[in-house]
């Protein structure tokens, strides 16, 4: 049964296409500038993410200054070297061969944060699960990512960097938590599949093995 509230066929296809063709972009950024109009549109999409208690805990720090980017890149390099030592020898060689960021190549970097004190100590939906504001901000990241893909804009998430490095660079107040550091810009192409999947780092899991019914481990009969 089709809901009377469903989108048209073309609209639905666009939503699913953005989801299925979203990629974590690292090596494909081109130097073309990102227009303020497009940046505003994808930030507006992020701002319309679901948020617990409607507290809208996110902030967006737009970074274009090459000097700031370089500081972040140095932080990435230090964390990247640390991370490489955590893998066994075979995996380490593969890991160090991956390009895992586009900090300097992308025209815009974006730091997304969560202000945990935004609406006071008691928030609807956080009374029992206080981490829900963090999850809300992650939803803002996903909204932005899908909107960017719909606009033909690439996004890459840089997670190999210590939070304290970003806190110092951007002078974050104590109540604010780092959620995501993103690289954003036009791309030469979107890879057909995630690069780690293509490289054989890990396979895509079978959905049927991940869906349970009524309790943990119970599959469809």
N, C-alpha and C. Protein backbone atom coordinates (compact mmCIF):
# COMPACT_ATOMS: atom_id res chain seq x y z
N UNK A 1 0.85 -1.20 0.00
CA UNK A 1 0.00 0.00 0.00
C UNK A 1 0.88 1.25 0.00
N UNK A 2 0.63 2.15 -0.92
CA UNK A 2 1.40 3.38 -1.01
C UNK A 2 0.77 4.46 -0.14
N UNK A 3 1.60 5.11 0.65
CA UNK A 3 1.10 6.18 1.51
C UNK A 3 0.72 7.40 0.68
N UNK A 4 -0.33 8.06 1.09
CA UNK A 4 -0.73 9.29 0.39
C UNK A 4 0.29 10.41 0.60
N UNK A 5 1.21 10.21 1.56
CA UNK A 5 2.23 11.22 1.83
C UNK A 5 3.55 10.94 1.12
N UNK A 6 3.61 9.87 0.35
CA UNK A 6 4.87 9.52 -0.30
C UNK A 6 5.21 10.53 -1.40
N UNK A 7 6.49 10.63 -1.70
CA UNK A 7 6.96 11.49 -2.78
C UNK A 7 6.58 10.86 -4.12
N UNK A 8 6.72 11.63 -5.17
CA UNK A 8 6.54 11.09 -6.51
C UNK A 8 7.66 10.11 -6.81
N UNK A 9 7.49 9.30 -7.85
CA UNK A 9 8.51 8.31 -8.20
C UNK A 9 9.86 8.93 -8.45
N UNK A 10 9.91 10.04 -9.17
CA UNK A 10 11.17 10.70 -9.47
C UNK A 10 11.82 11.28 -8.21
N UNK A 11 10.98 11.84 -7.34
CA UNK A 11 11.51 12.39 -6.09
C UNK A 11 12.09 11.29 -5.21
N UNK A 12 11.38 10.17 -5.11
CA UNK A 12 11.88 9.06 -4.30
C UNK A 12 13.19 8.52 -4.87
N UNK A 13 13.26 8.41 -6.16
CA UNK A 13 14.47 7.91 -6.80
C UNK A 13 15.66 8.81 -6.49
N UNK A 14 15.41 10.12 -6.46
CA UNK A 14 16.48 11.05 -6.13
C UNK A 14 17.01 10.86 -4.72
N UNK A 15 16.09 10.62 -3.77
CA UNK A 15 16.51 10.38 -2.38
C UNK A 15 17.38 9.14 -2.29
N UNK A 16 16.90 8.03 -2.86
CA UNK A 16 17.65 6.78 -2.79
C UNK A 16 18.96 6.87 -3.57
N UNK A 17 18.96 7.61 -4.66
CA UNK A 17 20.20 7.77 -5.43
C UNK A 17 21.25 8.50 -4.62
N UNK A 18 20.85 9.56 -3.91
CA UNK A 18 21.79 10.29 -3.06
C UNK A 18 22.38 9.38 -1.98
N UNK A 19 21.53 8.53 -1.41
CA UNK A 19 21.99 7.63 -0.35
C UNK A 19 22.97 6.60 -0.91
N UNK A 20 22.59 5.96 -2.01
CA UNK A 20 23.41 4.87 -2.56
C UNK A 20 24.70 5.37 -3.20
N UNK A 21 24.70 6.61 -3.70
CA UNK A 21 25.88 7.12 -4.39
C UNK A 21 26.70 8.08 -3.54
N UNK A 22 26.36 8.24 -2.28
CA UNK A 22 27.18 9.04 -1.38
C UNK A 22 28.52 8.34 -1.17
N UNK A 23 29.58 9.10 -1.19
CA UNK A 23 30.92 8.53 -1.00
C UNK A 23 31.73 9.43 -0.06
N UNK A 24 32.68 8.82 0.63
CA UNK A 24 33.64 9.56 1.44
C UNK A 24 34.78 9.98 0.51
N UNK A 25 34.85 11.26 0.19
CA UNK A 25 35.77 11.75 -0.83
C UNK A 25 37.09 12.17 -0.18
N UNK A 26 38.19 11.73 -0.79
CA UNK A 26 39.51 12.09 -0.29
C UNK A 26 40.42 12.57 -1.41
N UNK A 27 40.56 11.74 -2.46
CA UNK A 27 41.54 12.03 -3.51
C UNK A 27 40.93 12.72 -4.72
N UNK A 28 39.62 12.91 -4.74
CA UNK A 28 38.97 13.38 -5.96
C UNK A 28 38.61 14.87 -5.95
N UNK A 29 39.05 15.62 -4.95
CA UNK A 29 38.72 17.04 -4.92
C UNK A 29 39.45 17.80 -6.02
N UNK A 30 38.76 18.79 -6.60
CA UNK A 30 39.37 19.69 -7.59
C UNK A 30 39.36 21.10 -7.00
N UNK A 31 40.22 22.00 -7.48
CA UNK A 31 40.38 23.31 -6.83
C UNK A 31 39.28 24.32 -7.12
N UNK A 32 38.27 23.97 -7.91
CA UNK A 32 37.20 24.92 -8.20
C UNK A 32 36.56 25.41 -6.90
N UNK A 33 36.29 26.70 -6.77
CA UNK A 33 35.68 27.22 -5.54
C UNK A 33 34.26 26.71 -5.35
N UNK A 34 33.86 26.58 -4.12
CA UNK A 34 32.49 26.20 -3.77
C UNK A 34 31.69 27.48 -3.55
N UNK A 35 30.60 27.63 -4.26
CA UNK A 35 29.83 28.87 -4.17
C UNK A 35 29.17 29.01 -2.80
N UNK A 36 28.99 30.25 -2.37
CA UNK A 36 28.30 30.51 -1.11
C UNK A 36 26.86 30.00 -1.16
N UNK A 37 26.26 30.03 -2.33
CA UNK A 37 24.87 29.58 -2.48
C UNK A 37 24.76 28.08 -2.18
N UNK A 38 25.67 27.28 -2.75
CA UNK A 38 25.63 25.84 -2.50
C UNK A 38 25.97 25.54 -1.05
N UNK A 39 26.98 26.22 -0.50
CA UNK A 39 27.35 26.00 0.89
C UNK A 39 26.18 26.31 1.81
N UNK A 40 25.47 27.40 1.54
CA UNK A 40 24.32 27.75 2.36
C UNK A 40 23.23 26.69 2.27
N UNK A 41 23.01 26.15 1.08
CA UNK A 41 21.97 25.14 0.90
C UNK A 41 22.26 23.88 1.69
N UNK A 42 23.51 23.42 1.66
CA UNK A 42 23.81 22.18 2.36
C UNK A 42 23.89 22.40 3.87
N UNK A 43 24.29 23.61 4.29
CA UNK A 43 24.25 23.92 5.73
C UNK A 43 22.81 24.01 6.22
N UNK A 44 21.94 24.54 5.38
CA UNK A 44 20.52 24.63 5.74
C UNK A 44 19.92 23.23 5.87
N UNK A 45 20.34 22.31 4.99
CA UNK A 45 19.88 20.93 5.11
C UNK A 45 20.35 20.32 6.42
N UNK A 46 21.60 20.59 6.80
CA UNK A 46 22.12 20.09 8.07
C UNK A 46 21.32 20.65 9.24
N UNK A 47 20.98 21.92 9.16
CA UNK A 47 20.26 22.59 10.24
C UNK A 47 18.83 22.06 10.40
N UNK A 48 18.33 21.36 9.41
CA UNK A 48 16.99 20.78 9.50
C UNK A 48 17.02 19.31 9.88
N UNK A 49 18.10 18.86 10.47
CA UNK A 49 18.18 17.50 10.98
C UNK A 49 17.28 17.34 12.20
N UNK A 50 16.88 16.12 12.50
CA UNK A 50 16.14 15.89 13.75
C UNK A 50 17.03 16.19 14.94
N UNK A 51 16.46 16.80 15.99
CA UNK A 51 17.26 17.06 17.19
C UNK A 51 16.43 16.82 18.43
N UNK A 52 17.04 16.14 19.39
CA UNK A 52 16.35 15.80 20.63
C UNK A 52 15.91 17.07 21.34
N UNK A 53 14.65 17.10 21.79
CA UNK A 53 14.13 18.25 22.50
C UNK A 53 14.15 19.53 21.68
N UNK A 54 14.34 19.41 20.37
CA UNK A 54 14.47 20.54 19.45
C UNK A 54 15.54 21.52 19.93
N UNK A 55 16.60 20.98 20.54
CA UNK A 55 17.65 21.84 21.09
C UNK A 55 18.63 22.34 20.03
N UNK A 56 18.64 21.68 18.83
CA UNK A 56 19.50 22.13 17.73
C UNK A 56 20.92 22.44 18.25
N UNK A 57 21.62 21.42 18.72
CA UNK A 57 22.87 21.65 19.45
C UNK A 57 24.08 21.93 18.59
N UNK A 58 23.92 21.95 17.29
CA UNK A 58 25.06 22.05 16.38
C UNK A 58 25.53 23.47 16.13
N UNK A 59 26.82 23.57 15.81
CA UNK A 59 27.41 24.77 15.21
C UNK A 59 28.28 24.32 14.05
N UNK A 60 28.50 25.23 13.10
CA UNK A 60 29.27 24.92 11.90
C UNK A 60 30.35 25.98 11.73
N UNK A 61 31.60 25.56 11.84
CA UNK A 61 32.73 26.48 11.64
C UNK A 61 33.28 26.27 10.23
N UNK A 62 33.08 27.26 9.37
CA UNK A 62 33.55 27.19 7.99
C UNK A 62 35.02 27.60 7.95
N UNK A 63 35.84 26.75 7.33
CA UNK A 63 37.29 26.97 7.31
C UNK A 63 37.76 27.05 5.86
N UNK A 64 38.30 28.23 5.48
CA UNK A 64 38.87 28.40 4.15
C UNK A 64 40.34 28.86 4.21
N UNK A 65 40.78 29.32 5.33
CA UNK A 65 42.13 29.86 5.51
C UNK A 65 43.17 28.74 5.36
N UNK A 66 44.07 28.83 4.39
CA UNK A 66 45.09 27.79 4.20
C UNK A 66 45.95 27.55 5.45
N UNK A 67 46.19 28.60 6.22
CA UNK A 67 47.01 28.44 7.43
C UNK A 67 46.28 27.57 8.46
N UNK A 68 44.98 27.78 8.60
CA UNK A 68 44.19 26.95 9.52
C UNK A 68 44.15 25.51 9.02
N UNK A 69 43.95 25.35 7.73
CA UNK A 69 43.94 24.00 7.15
C UNK A 69 45.26 23.29 7.40
N UNK A 70 46.34 24.02 7.29
CA UNK A 70 47.65 23.41 7.49
C UNK A 70 47.83 22.93 8.92
N UNK A 71 47.35 23.69 9.88
CA UNK A 71 47.40 23.25 11.28
C UNK A 71 46.62 21.95 11.47
N UNK A 72 45.44 21.89 10.86
CA UNK A 72 44.63 20.67 10.95
C UNK A 72 45.35 19.51 10.26
N UNK A 73 45.95 19.80 9.11
CA UNK A 73 46.64 18.73 8.38
C UNK A 73 47.81 18.18 9.19
N UNK A 74 48.54 19.04 9.89
CA UNK A 74 49.63 18.57 10.74
C UNK A 74 49.09 17.68 11.86
N UNK A 75 47.93 18.05 12.40
CA UNK A 75 47.29 17.22 13.41
C UNK A 75 46.90 15.86 12.86
N UNK A 76 46.41 15.86 11.63
CA UNK A 76 46.08 14.59 10.97
C UNK A 76 47.32 13.73 10.80
N UNK A 77 48.40 14.32 10.31
CA UNK A 77 49.61 13.53 10.05
C UNK A 77 50.13 12.85 11.31
N UNK A 78 50.09 13.57 12.43
CA UNK A 78 50.56 12.98 13.69
C UNK A 78 49.68 11.81 14.11
N UNK A 79 48.35 12.00 14.02
CA UNK A 79 47.42 10.93 14.40
C UNK A 79 47.49 9.76 13.42
N UNK A 80 47.72 10.07 12.16
CA UNK A 80 47.82 9.03 11.13
C UNK A 80 49.02 8.13 11.40
N UNK A 81 50.13 8.72 11.80
CA UNK A 81 51.32 7.93 12.12
C UNK A 81 51.08 7.05 13.33
N UNK A 82 50.43 7.62 14.35
CA UNK A 82 50.07 6.82 15.53
C UNK A 82 49.19 5.64 15.13
N UNK A 83 48.20 5.92 14.30
CA UNK A 83 47.23 4.89 13.92
C UNK A 83 47.88 3.76 13.14
N UNK A 84 48.83 4.10 12.30
CA UNK A 84 49.49 3.07 11.49
C UNK A 84 50.14 2.00 12.35
N UNK A 85 50.66 2.42 13.50
CA UNK A 85 51.35 1.48 14.38
C UNK A 85 50.39 0.50 15.05
N UNK A 86 49.11 0.75 14.98
CA UNK A 86 48.12 -0.13 15.62
C UNK A 86 47.79 -1.36 14.78
N UNK A 87 48.13 -1.32 13.49
CA UNK A 87 47.83 -2.44 12.60
C UNK A 87 49.00 -3.40 12.51
N UNK A 88 48.70 -4.66 12.17
CA UNK A 88 49.80 -5.59 11.93
C UNK A 88 50.53 -5.18 10.65
N UNK A 89 51.66 -5.81 10.40
CA UNK A 89 52.56 -5.36 9.33
C UNK A 89 51.87 -5.34 7.97
N UNK A 90 51.11 -6.39 7.67
CA UNK A 90 50.45 -6.47 6.37
C UNK A 90 49.40 -5.37 6.22
N UNK A 91 48.56 -5.22 7.24
CA UNK A 91 47.52 -4.19 7.19
C UNK A 91 48.14 -2.79 7.23
N UNK A 92 49.25 -2.63 7.94
CA UNK A 92 49.90 -1.32 8.03
C UNK A 92 50.36 -0.83 6.66
N UNK A 93 50.90 -1.74 5.88
CA UNK A 93 51.36 -1.36 4.54
C UNK A 93 50.20 -0.90 3.68
N UNK A 94 49.06 -1.59 3.80
CA UNK A 94 47.88 -1.21 3.04
C UNK A 94 47.31 0.11 3.56
N UNK A 95 47.26 0.22 4.88
CA UNK A 95 46.71 1.44 5.51
C UNK A 95 47.48 2.68 5.08
N UNK A 96 48.79 2.62 5.11
CA UNK A 96 49.59 3.80 4.78
C UNK A 96 49.52 4.15 3.30
N UNK A 97 49.02 3.23 2.49
CA UNK A 97 48.86 3.50 1.06
C UNK A 97 47.57 4.21 0.72
N UNK A 98 46.63 4.27 1.67
CA UNK A 98 45.36 4.94 1.43
C UNK A 98 45.52 6.45 1.60
N UNK A 99 44.81 7.21 0.76
CA UNK A 99 44.69 8.64 1.02
C UNK A 99 43.43 8.82 1.85
N UNK A 100 43.58 9.34 3.06
CA UNK A 100 42.48 9.34 4.01
C UNK A 100 41.97 10.73 4.36
N UNK A 101 42.38 11.75 3.59
CA UNK A 101 41.88 13.10 3.84
C UNK A 101 42.10 13.97 2.61
N UNK A 102 41.34 15.09 2.57
CA UNK A 102 41.52 16.07 1.51
C UNK A 102 41.55 17.47 2.09
N UNK A 103 42.20 17.61 3.24
CA UNK A 103 42.15 18.85 4.02
C UNK A 103 42.65 20.04 3.21
N UNK A 104 43.79 19.90 2.58
CA UNK A 104 44.38 21.02 1.85
C UNK A 104 43.80 21.15 0.44
N UNK A 105 43.36 20.05 -0.15
CA UNK A 105 42.86 20.08 -1.52
C UNK A 105 41.44 20.63 -1.62
N UNK A 106 40.62 20.40 -0.63
CA UNK A 106 39.22 20.84 -0.70
C UNK A 106 39.12 22.34 -0.41
N UNK A 107 38.29 23.07 -1.15
CA UNK A 107 38.20 24.52 -0.94
C UNK A 107 37.60 24.92 0.40
N UNK A 108 36.75 24.06 0.95
CA UNK A 108 36.10 24.36 2.23
C UNK A 108 36.28 23.19 3.18
N UNK A 109 36.71 23.49 4.39
CA UNK A 109 36.66 22.54 5.50
C UNK A 109 35.56 23.00 6.44
N UNK A 110 34.98 22.06 7.15
CA UNK A 110 33.86 22.39 8.03
C UNK A 110 33.98 21.60 9.32
N UNK A 111 34.05 22.31 10.44
CA UNK A 111 34.03 21.67 11.75
C UNK A 111 32.61 21.74 12.29
N UNK A 112 32.03 20.58 12.58
CA UNK A 112 30.68 20.51 13.14
C UNK A 112 30.80 20.10 14.60
N UNK A 113 30.18 20.90 15.46
CA UNK A 113 30.28 20.68 16.89
C UNK A 113 28.89 20.51 17.51
N UNK A 114 28.88 20.03 18.74
CA UNK A 114 27.65 19.88 19.53
C UNK A 114 27.81 20.66 20.83
N UNK A 115 26.94 21.63 21.04
CA UNK A 115 26.93 22.41 22.28
C UNK A 115 26.00 21.72 23.27
N UNK A 116 26.57 21.00 24.23
CA UNK A 116 25.80 20.16 25.14
C UNK A 116 25.04 20.96 26.19
N UNK A 117 25.31 22.26 26.29
CA UNK A 117 24.65 23.11 27.28
C UNK A 117 23.66 24.09 26.63
N UNK A 118 23.36 23.88 25.36
CA UNK A 118 22.62 24.90 24.61
C UNK A 118 21.30 25.30 25.26
N UNK A 119 20.49 24.36 25.68
CA UNK A 119 19.17 24.71 26.21
C UNK A 119 19.02 24.37 27.69
N UNK A 120 20.13 24.29 28.39
CA UNK A 120 20.07 24.04 29.82
C UNK A 120 20.25 22.57 30.17
N UNK A 121 20.25 22.26 31.47
CA UNK A 121 20.59 20.91 31.93
C UNK A 121 19.50 19.86 31.71
N UNK A 122 18.24 20.28 31.57
CA UNK A 122 17.15 19.31 31.40
C UNK A 122 16.53 19.51 30.02
N UNK A 123 16.61 18.48 29.20
CA UNK A 123 16.13 18.55 27.82
C UNK A 123 15.22 17.36 27.56
N UNK A 124 14.08 17.58 26.94
CA UNK A 124 13.19 16.49 26.56
C UNK A 124 13.97 15.49 25.70
N UNK A 125 13.92 14.23 26.07
CA UNK A 125 14.61 13.20 25.30
C UNK A 125 16.02 12.91 25.76
N UNK A 126 16.58 13.79 26.62
CA UNK A 126 17.93 13.55 27.15
C UNK A 126 17.90 13.19 28.62
N UNK A 127 16.74 13.14 29.21
CA UNK A 127 16.64 12.90 30.65
C UNK A 127 17.13 11.50 31.03
N UNK A 128 16.98 10.54 30.13
CA UNK A 128 17.40 9.17 30.38
C UNK A 128 18.60 8.79 29.52
N UNK A 129 18.63 9.33 28.31
CA UNK A 129 19.73 9.06 27.39
C UNK A 129 20.44 10.38 27.06
N UNK A 130 21.37 10.81 27.90
CA UNK A 130 21.99 12.14 27.74
C UNK A 130 22.83 12.30 26.48
N UNK A 131 23.18 11.19 25.85
CA UNK A 131 24.01 11.27 24.64
C UNK A 131 23.21 11.59 23.38
N UNK A 132 21.89 11.76 23.50
CA UNK A 132 21.06 11.95 22.32
C UNK A 132 21.38 13.24 21.56
N UNK A 133 21.90 14.26 22.25
CA UNK A 133 22.28 15.48 21.53
C UNK A 133 23.46 15.22 20.59
N UNK A 134 24.34 14.32 20.99
CA UNK A 134 25.46 13.95 20.12
C UNK A 134 24.95 13.24 18.86
N UNK A 135 23.99 12.33 19.07
CA UNK A 135 23.42 11.60 17.94
C UNK A 135 22.67 12.56 17.02
N UNK A 136 22.01 13.54 17.59
CA UNK A 136 21.30 14.52 16.78
C UNK A 136 22.26 15.24 15.85
N UNK A 137 23.42 15.60 16.37
CA UNK A 137 24.40 16.32 15.56
C UNK A 137 24.97 15.44 14.47
N UNK A 138 25.10 14.14 14.74
CA UNK A 138 25.51 13.20 13.69
C UNK A 138 24.47 13.16 12.58
N UNK A 139 23.18 13.27 12.95
CA UNK A 139 22.13 13.34 11.93
C UNK A 139 22.31 14.58 11.05
N UNK A 140 22.76 15.67 11.63
CA UNK A 140 23.03 16.89 10.85
C UNK A 140 24.15 16.64 9.84
N UNK A 141 25.16 15.88 10.26
CA UNK A 141 26.25 15.53 9.34
C UNK A 141 25.70 14.74 8.15
N UNK A 142 24.85 13.76 8.43
CA UNK A 142 24.30 12.94 7.36
C UNK A 142 23.41 13.77 6.43
N UNK A 143 22.59 14.65 7.00
CA UNK A 143 21.77 15.54 6.16
C UNK A 143 22.64 16.34 5.21
N UNK A 144 23.71 16.92 5.74
CA UNK A 144 24.61 17.72 4.92
C UNK A 144 25.24 16.86 3.82
N UNK A 145 25.65 15.67 4.17
CA UNK A 145 26.34 14.79 3.23
C UNK A 145 25.43 14.42 2.06
N UNK A 146 24.18 14.09 2.37
CA UNK A 146 23.25 13.70 1.31
C UNK A 146 22.86 14.89 0.45
N UNK A 147 22.67 16.05 1.07
CA UNK A 147 22.36 17.25 0.30
C UNK A 147 23.52 17.60 -0.62
N UNK A 148 24.74 17.48 -0.11
CA UNK A 148 25.92 17.76 -0.93
C UNK A 148 25.99 16.81 -2.12
N UNK A 149 25.72 15.53 -1.89
CA UNK A 149 25.75 14.57 -2.99
C UNK A 149 24.71 14.91 -4.05
N UNK A 150 23.52 15.34 -3.61
CA UNK A 150 22.48 15.73 -4.55
C UNK A 150 22.92 16.92 -5.39
N UNK A 151 23.78 17.78 -4.83
CA UNK A 151 24.29 18.95 -5.54
C UNK A 151 25.55 18.65 -6.35
N UNK A 152 26.01 17.37 -6.29
CA UNK A 152 27.23 17.01 -7.00
C UNK A 152 28.49 17.43 -6.29
N UNK A 153 28.39 17.65 -4.99
CA UNK A 153 29.52 18.12 -4.17
C UNK A 153 30.03 16.97 -3.31
N UNK A 154 31.35 16.83 -3.23
CA UNK A 154 31.95 15.77 -2.44
C UNK A 154 32.17 16.18 -1.00
N UNK A 155 32.09 15.20 -0.11
CA UNK A 155 32.34 15.40 1.32
C UNK A 155 33.24 14.27 1.82
N UNK A 156 34.24 14.61 2.60
CA UNK A 156 35.09 13.61 3.24
C UNK A 156 35.19 13.88 4.74
N UNK A 157 35.02 12.85 5.53
CA UNK A 157 35.05 12.98 6.99
C UNK A 157 36.45 12.62 7.48
N UNK A 158 37.12 13.56 8.15
CA UNK A 158 38.45 13.32 8.70
C UNK A 158 38.31 12.95 10.17
N UNK A 159 38.45 11.68 10.47
CA UNK A 159 38.31 11.22 11.85
C UNK A 159 39.65 10.88 12.48
N UNK A 160 40.72 10.92 11.69
CA UNK A 160 42.04 10.56 12.22
C UNK A 160 42.74 11.84 12.67
N UNK A 161 42.25 12.37 13.78
CA UNK A 161 42.83 13.57 14.40
C UNK A 161 42.30 13.64 15.82
N UNK A 162 43.14 14.03 16.74
CA UNK A 162 42.73 14.10 18.14
C UNK A 162 41.84 15.31 18.39
N UNK A 163 40.81 15.10 19.19
CA UNK A 163 39.87 16.19 19.47
C UNK A 163 40.56 17.38 20.10
N UNK A 164 41.52 17.15 20.98
CA UNK A 164 42.17 18.27 21.65
C UNK A 164 42.93 19.17 20.67
N UNK A 165 43.39 18.58 19.57
CA UNK A 165 44.06 19.38 18.54
C UNK A 165 43.06 20.35 17.91
N UNK A 166 41.90 19.85 17.56
CA UNK A 166 40.87 20.71 16.98
C UNK A 166 40.36 21.73 17.99
N UNK A 167 40.25 21.33 19.24
CA UNK A 167 39.80 22.26 20.29
C UNK A 167 40.74 23.45 20.39
N UNK A 168 42.03 23.17 20.33
CA UNK A 168 43.02 24.24 20.46
C UNK A 168 43.02 25.14 19.22
N UNK A 169 43.00 24.54 18.05
CA UNK A 169 43.04 25.32 16.81
C UNK A 169 41.86 26.28 16.72
N UNK A 170 40.68 25.79 17.09
CA UNK A 170 39.45 26.56 16.90
C UNK A 170 38.91 27.18 18.18
N UNK A 171 39.66 27.06 19.28
CA UNK A 171 39.33 27.73 20.53
C UNK A 171 37.90 27.41 20.98
N UNK A 172 37.60 26.14 21.09
CA UNK A 172 36.25 25.71 21.44
C UNK A 172 36.00 25.86 22.94
N UNK A 173 34.81 26.33 23.33
CA UNK A 173 34.46 26.41 24.76
C UNK A 173 34.26 25.01 25.34
N UNK A 174 34.28 24.93 26.66
CA UNK A 174 34.24 23.63 27.34
C UNK A 174 32.97 22.85 27.05
N UNK A 175 31.85 23.53 26.86
CA UNK A 175 30.57 22.84 26.67
C UNK A 175 30.40 22.26 25.28
N UNK A 176 31.32 22.57 24.39
CA UNK A 176 31.20 22.19 22.98
C UNK A 176 32.07 20.97 22.69
N UNK A 177 31.49 19.99 21.98
CA UNK A 177 32.17 18.74 21.66
C UNK A 177 32.35 18.66 20.15
N UNK A 178 33.51 18.19 19.72
CA UNK A 178 33.76 17.97 18.30
C UNK A 178 32.98 16.75 17.83
N UNK A 179 32.24 16.90 16.74
CA UNK A 179 31.52 15.78 16.14
C UNK A 179 32.16 15.36 14.83
N UNK A 180 32.44 16.31 13.94
CA UNK A 180 32.98 15.93 12.63
C UNK A 180 33.82 17.06 12.05
N UNK A 181 34.91 16.67 11.40
CA UNK A 181 35.70 17.61 10.60
C UNK A 181 35.58 17.13 9.16
N UNK A 182 34.98 17.97 8.32
CA UNK A 182 34.64 17.58 6.96
C UNK A 182 35.43 18.38 5.93
N UNK A 183 35.76 17.73 4.82
CA UNK A 183 36.33 18.39 3.65
C UNK A 183 35.24 18.42 2.58
N UNK A 184 35.04 19.59 1.95
CA UNK A 184 33.90 19.77 1.05
C UNK A 184 34.36 20.47 -0.22
N UNK A 185 33.91 19.98 -1.37
CA UNK A 185 34.25 20.65 -2.62
C UNK A 185 33.80 19.88 -3.84
N UNK A 186 34.01 20.49 -5.00
CA UNK A 186 33.74 19.82 -6.27
C UNK A 186 34.73 18.67 -6.46
N UNK A 187 34.32 17.70 -7.26
CA UNK A 187 35.14 16.49 -7.42
C UNK A 187 35.37 16.20 -8.90
N UNK A 188 36.43 15.45 -9.17
CA UNK A 188 36.69 14.98 -10.53
C UNK A 188 35.75 13.84 -10.89
N UNK A 189 35.35 13.09 -9.87
CA UNK A 189 34.41 11.97 -10.07
C UNK A 189 33.97 11.48 -8.70
N UNK A 190 32.87 10.72 -8.69
CA UNK A 190 32.46 9.98 -7.51
C UNK A 190 32.77 8.51 -7.75
N UNK A 191 33.55 7.87 -6.90
CA UNK A 191 33.85 6.45 -7.09
C UNK A 191 32.58 5.61 -7.14
N UNK A 192 32.63 4.55 -7.94
CA UNK A 192 31.46 3.69 -8.08
C UNK A 192 31.13 2.95 -6.80
N UNK A 193 32.12 2.65 -6.00
CA UNK A 193 31.90 2.00 -4.72
C UNK A 193 32.85 2.60 -3.70
N UNK A 194 32.55 2.45 -2.40
CA UNK A 194 33.48 2.96 -1.38
C UNK A 194 34.89 2.43 -1.61
N UNK A 195 35.87 3.30 -1.44
CA UNK A 195 37.24 2.94 -1.80
C UNK A 195 37.80 1.81 -0.94
N UNK A 196 37.42 1.76 0.34
CA UNK A 196 37.90 0.67 1.19
C UNK A 196 37.29 -0.66 0.79
N UNK A 197 36.04 -0.62 0.32
CA UNK A 197 35.42 -1.84 -0.20
C UNK A 197 36.13 -2.29 -1.48
N UNK A 198 36.39 -1.35 -2.37
CA UNK A 198 37.07 -1.68 -3.63
C UNK A 198 38.46 -2.23 -3.38
N UNK A 199 39.15 -1.68 -2.38
CA UNK A 199 40.52 -2.12 -2.08
C UNK A 199 40.56 -3.45 -1.33
N UNK A 200 39.39 -3.97 -0.94
CA UNK A 200 39.36 -5.24 -0.23
C UNK A 200 39.71 -5.13 1.25
N UNK A 201 39.66 -3.92 1.79
CA UNK A 201 39.96 -3.75 3.21
C UNK A 201 38.93 -4.50 4.06
N UNK A 202 37.65 -4.33 3.70
CA UNK A 202 36.56 -5.08 4.31
C UNK A 202 35.46 -5.23 3.27
N UNK A 203 34.67 -6.32 3.34
CA UNK A 203 33.57 -6.49 2.40
C UNK A 203 32.31 -5.79 2.91
N UNK A 204 31.35 -5.55 2.01
CA UNK A 204 30.05 -5.07 2.44
C UNK A 204 29.29 -6.25 3.04
N UNK A 205 28.75 -6.06 4.22
CA UNK A 205 28.03 -7.13 4.90
C UNK A 205 26.68 -7.37 4.24
N UNK A 206 26.20 -8.59 4.37
CA UNK A 206 24.89 -8.97 3.84
C UNK A 206 23.81 -8.46 4.78
N UNK A 207 22.88 -7.67 4.26
CA UNK A 207 21.82 -7.09 5.09
C UNK A 207 21.02 -8.15 5.82
N UNK A 208 20.76 -9.28 5.16
CA UNK A 208 19.95 -10.33 5.79
C UNK A 208 20.58 -10.84 7.08
N UNK A 209 21.90 -10.75 7.18
CA UNK A 209 22.58 -11.23 8.38
C UNK A 209 22.57 -10.19 9.50
N UNK A 210 22.11 -8.98 9.21
CA UNK A 210 22.14 -7.89 10.18
C UNK A 210 20.76 -7.55 10.73
N UNK A 211 19.72 -8.15 10.16
CA UNK A 211 18.35 -7.84 10.57
C UNK A 211 17.82 -8.98 11.44
N UNK A 212 17.43 -8.63 12.66
CA UNK A 212 16.82 -9.60 13.57
C UNK A 212 15.37 -9.21 13.81
N UNK A 213 14.59 -10.16 14.34
CA UNK A 213 13.17 -9.93 14.56
C UNK A 213 12.80 -10.28 16.00
N UNK A 214 12.24 -9.30 16.67
CA UNK A 214 11.69 -9.43 18.03
C UNK A 214 12.76 -9.57 19.12
N UNK A 215 13.90 -10.17 18.83
CA UNK A 215 14.97 -10.27 19.82
C UNK A 215 16.29 -10.50 19.11
N UNK A 216 17.40 -10.28 19.85
CA UNK A 216 18.73 -10.40 19.27
C UNK A 216 18.96 -11.81 18.72
N UNK A 217 19.43 -11.87 17.48
CA UNK A 217 19.81 -13.13 16.88
C UNK A 217 18.70 -13.91 16.22
N UNK A 218 17.46 -13.44 16.32
CA UNK A 218 16.34 -14.18 15.73
C UNK A 218 16.10 -13.67 14.31
N UNK A 219 16.34 -14.55 13.34
CA UNK A 219 16.19 -14.17 11.95
C UNK A 219 14.81 -14.54 11.43
N UNK A 220 14.52 -14.07 10.23
CA UNK A 220 13.21 -14.34 9.63
C UNK A 220 13.11 -15.84 9.33
N UNK A 221 11.98 -16.40 9.65
CA UNK A 221 11.79 -17.86 9.44
C UNK A 221 11.46 -18.13 7.97
